[in-house]
């Protein structure tokens, strides 16, 4: 159970980081232009 929870949480964190990175780059390019 714990190992599965940890893998799910890490996968969720990775998705959140990717989404934040995409949003951040979009925000930076939007503010520059």
PDB file of N, CA and C in Angstrom:
ATOM      1  N   UNK A   1       0.839  -1.207   0.000  1.00  0.00           N
ATOM      2  CA  UNK A   1       0.000   0.000   0.000  1.00  0.00           C
ATOM      3  C   UNK A   1       0.877   1.262   0.000  1.00  0.00           C
ATOM      4  N   UNK A   2       1.829   1.324   0.911  1.00  0.00           N
ATOM      5  CA  UNK A   2       2.652   2.531   1.014  1.00  0.00           C
ATOM      6  C   UNK A   2       3.440   2.777  -0.265  1.00  0.00           C
ATOM      7  N   UNK A   3       4.043   1.728  -0.811  1.00  0.00           N
ATOM      8  CA  UNK A   3       4.836   1.903  -2.034  1.00  0.00           C
ATOM      9  C   UNK A   3       3.961   2.426  -3.166  1.00  0.00           C
ATOM     10  N   UNK A   4       2.748   1.907  -3.269  1.00  0.00           N
ATOM     11  CA  UNK A   4       1.836   2.361  -4.325  1.00  0.00           C
ATOM     12  C   UNK A   4       1.472   3.825  -4.098  1.00  0.00           C
ATOM     13  N   UNK A   5       1.185   4.189  -2.838  1.00  0.00           N
ATOM     14  CA  UNK A   5       0.840   5.583  -2.527  1.00  0.00           C
ATOM     15  C   UNK A   5       1.991   6.506  -2.899  1.00  0.00           C
ATOM     16  N   UNK A   6       3.218   6.114  -2.560  1.00  0.00           N
ATOM     17  CA  UNK A   6       4.387   6.953  -2.845  1.00  0.00           C
ATOM     18  C   UNK A   6       4.558   7.126  -4.350  1.00  0.00           C
ATOM     19  N   UNK A   7       4.395   6.050  -5.108  1.00  0.00           N
ATOM     20  CA  UNK A   7       4.565   6.148  -6.560  1.00  0.00           C
ATOM     21  C   UNK A   7       3.476   7.024  -7.163  1.00  0.00           C
ATOM     22  N   UNK A   8       2.242   6.908  -6.649  1.00  0.00           N
ATOM     23  CA  UNK A   8       1.151   7.750  -7.153  1.00  0.00           C
ATOM     24  C   UNK A   8       1.416   9.215  -6.832  1.00  0.00           C
ATOM     25  N   UNK A   9       1.873   9.472  -5.602  1.00  0.00           N
ATOM     26  CA  UNK A   9       2.150  10.856  -5.189  1.00  0.00           C
ATOM     27  C   UNK A   9       3.281  11.432  -6.030  1.00  0.00           C
ATOM     28  N   UNK A  10       4.350  10.668  -6.239  1.00  0.00           N
ATOM     29  CA  UNK A  10       5.478  11.170  -7.025  1.00  0.00           C
ATOM     30  C   UNK A  10       5.047  11.440  -8.460  1.00  0.00           C
ATOM     31  N   UNK A  11       4.199  10.577  -9.010  1.00  0.00           N
ATOM     32  CA  UNK A  11       3.704  10.798 -10.374  1.00  0.00           C
ATOM     33  C   UNK A  11       2.858  12.063 -10.419  1.00  0.00           C
ATOM     34  N   UNK A  12       2.042  12.275  -9.402  1.00  0.00           N
ATOM     35  CA  UNK A  12       1.194  13.473  -9.353  1.00  0.00           C
ATOM     36  C   UNK A  12       2.063  14.726  -9.252  1.00  0.00           C
ATOM     37  N   UNK A  13       3.103  14.651  -8.408  1.00  0.00           N
ATOM     38  CA  UNK A  13       4.008  15.795  -8.243  1.00  0.00           C
ATOM     39  C   UNK A  13       4.687  16.105  -9.568  1.00  0.00           C
ATOM     40  N   UNK A  14       5.105  15.056 -10.286  1.00  0.00           N
ATOM     41  CA  UNK A  14       5.784  15.258 -11.567  1.00  0.00           C
ATOM     42  C   UNK A  14       4.843  15.967 -12.545  1.00  0.00           C
ATOM     43  N   UNK A  15       3.585  15.537 -12.575  1.00  0.00           N
ATOM     44  CA  UNK A  15       2.603  16.166 -13.475  1.00  0.00           C
ATOM     45  C   UNK A  15       2.402  17.623 -13.076  1.00  0.00           C
ATOM     46  N   UNK A  16       2.311  17.875 -11.758  1.00  0.00           N
ATOM     47  CA  UNK A  16       2.114  19.253 -11.288  1.00  0.00           C
ATOM     48  C   UNK A  16       3.302  20.123 -11.668  1.00  0.00           C
ATOM     49  N   UNK A  17       4.530  19.574 -11.533  1.00  0.00           N
ATOM     50  CA  UNK A  17       5.732  20.341 -11.884  1.00  0.00           C
ATOM     51  C   UNK A  17       5.723  20.648 -13.378  1.00  0.00           C
ATOM     52  N   UNK A  18       5.361  19.664 -14.202  1.00  0.00           N
ATOM     53  CA  UNK A  18       5.314  19.887 -15.652  1.00  0.00           C
ATOM     54  C   UNK A  18       4.285  20.959 -15.981  1.00  0.00           C
ATOM     55  N   UNK A  19       3.124  20.903 -15.346  1.00  0.00           N
ATOM     56  CA  UNK A  19       2.076  21.897 -15.606  1.00  0.00           C
ATOM     57  C   UNK A  19       2.538  23.279 -15.153  1.00  0.00           C
ATOM     58  N   UNK A  20       3.169  23.355 -13.988  1.00  0.00           N
ATOM     59  CA  UNK A  20       3.657  24.641 -13.484  1.00  0.00           C
ATOM     60  C   UNK A  20       4.732  25.192 -14.408  1.00  0.00           C
ATOM     61  N   UNK A  21       5.598  24.313 -14.914  1.00  0.00           N
ATOM     62  CA  UNK A  21       6.668  24.754 -15.809  1.00  0.00           C
ATOM     63  C   UNK A  21       6.057  25.305 -17.101  1.00  0.00           C
ATOM     64  N   UNK A  22       5.075  24.595 -17.652  1.00  0.00           N
ATOM     65  CA  UNK A  22       4.430  25.053 -18.891  1.00  0.00           C
ATOM     66  C   UNK A  22       3.740  26.388 -18.644  1.00  0.00           C
ATOM     67  N   UNK A  23       3.056  26.510 -17.506  1.00  0.00           N
ATOM     68  CA  UNK A  23       2.371  27.758 -17.180  1.00  0.00           C
ATOM     69  C   UNK A  23       3.395  28.877 -16.978  1.00  0.00           C
ATOM     70  N   UNK A  24       4.507  28.562 -16.323  1.00  0.00           N
ATOM     71  CA  UNK A  24       5.534  29.571 -16.060  1.00  0.00           C
ATOM     72  C   UNK A  24       6.145  30.102 -17.352  1.00  0.00           C
ATOM     73  N   UNK A  25       6.483  29.197 -18.284  1.00  0.00           N
ATOM     74  CA  UNK A  25       7.080  29.637 -19.544  1.00  0.00           C
ATOM     75  C   UNK A  25       6.070  30.459 -20.331  1.00  0.00           C
ATOM     76  N   UNK A  26       4.797  30.073 -20.297  1.00  0.00           N
ATOM     77  CA  UNK A  26       3.762  30.838 -21.001  1.00  0.00           C
ATOM     78  C   UNK A  26       3.643  32.224 -20.375  1.00  0.00           C
ATOM     79  N   UNK A  27       3.657  32.297 -19.044  1.00  0.00           N
ATOM     80  CA  UNK A  27       3.546  33.585 -18.373  1.00  0.00           C
ATOM     81  C   UNK A  27       4.739  34.474 -18.691  1.00  0.00           C
ATOM     82  N   UNK A  28       5.944  33.884 -18.734  1.00  0.00           N
ATOM     83  CA  UNK A  28       7.144  34.673 -19.025  1.00  0.00           C
ATOM     84  C   UNK A  28       7.068  35.224 -20.451  1.00  0.00           C
ATOM     85  N   UNK A  29       6.725  34.387 -21.411  1.00  0.00           N
ATOM     86  CA  UNK A  29       6.658  34.844 -22.804  1.00  0.00           C
ATOM     87  C   UNK A  29       5.545  35.870 -22.974  1.00  0.00           C
ATOM     88  N   UNK A  30       4.433  35.688 -22.243  1.00  0.00           N
ATOM     89  CA  UNK A  30       3.325  36.645 -22.346  1.00  0.00           C
ATOM     90  C   UNK A  30       3.747  38.006 -21.795  1.00  0.00           C
ATOM     91  N   UNK A  31       4.471  38.022 -20.694  1.00  0.00           N
ATOM     92  CA  UNK A  31       4.875  39.296 -20.091  1.00  0.00           C
ATOM     93  C   UNK A  31       5.935  39.982 -20.945  1.00  0.00           C
ATOM     94  N   UNK A  32       6.763  39.203 -21.644  1.00  0.00           N
ATOM     95  CA  UNK A  32       7.807  39.799 -22.489  1.00  0.00           C
ATOM     96  C   UNK A  32       7.198  40.455 -23.714  1.00  0.00           C
ATOM     97  N   UNK A  33       6.168  39.851 -24.277  1.00  0.00           N
ATOM     98  CA  UNK A  33       5.591  40.389 -25.522  1.00  0.00           C
ATOM     99  C   UNK A  33       4.466  41.360 -25.188  1.00  0.00           C
TER     100      UNK A  33
END
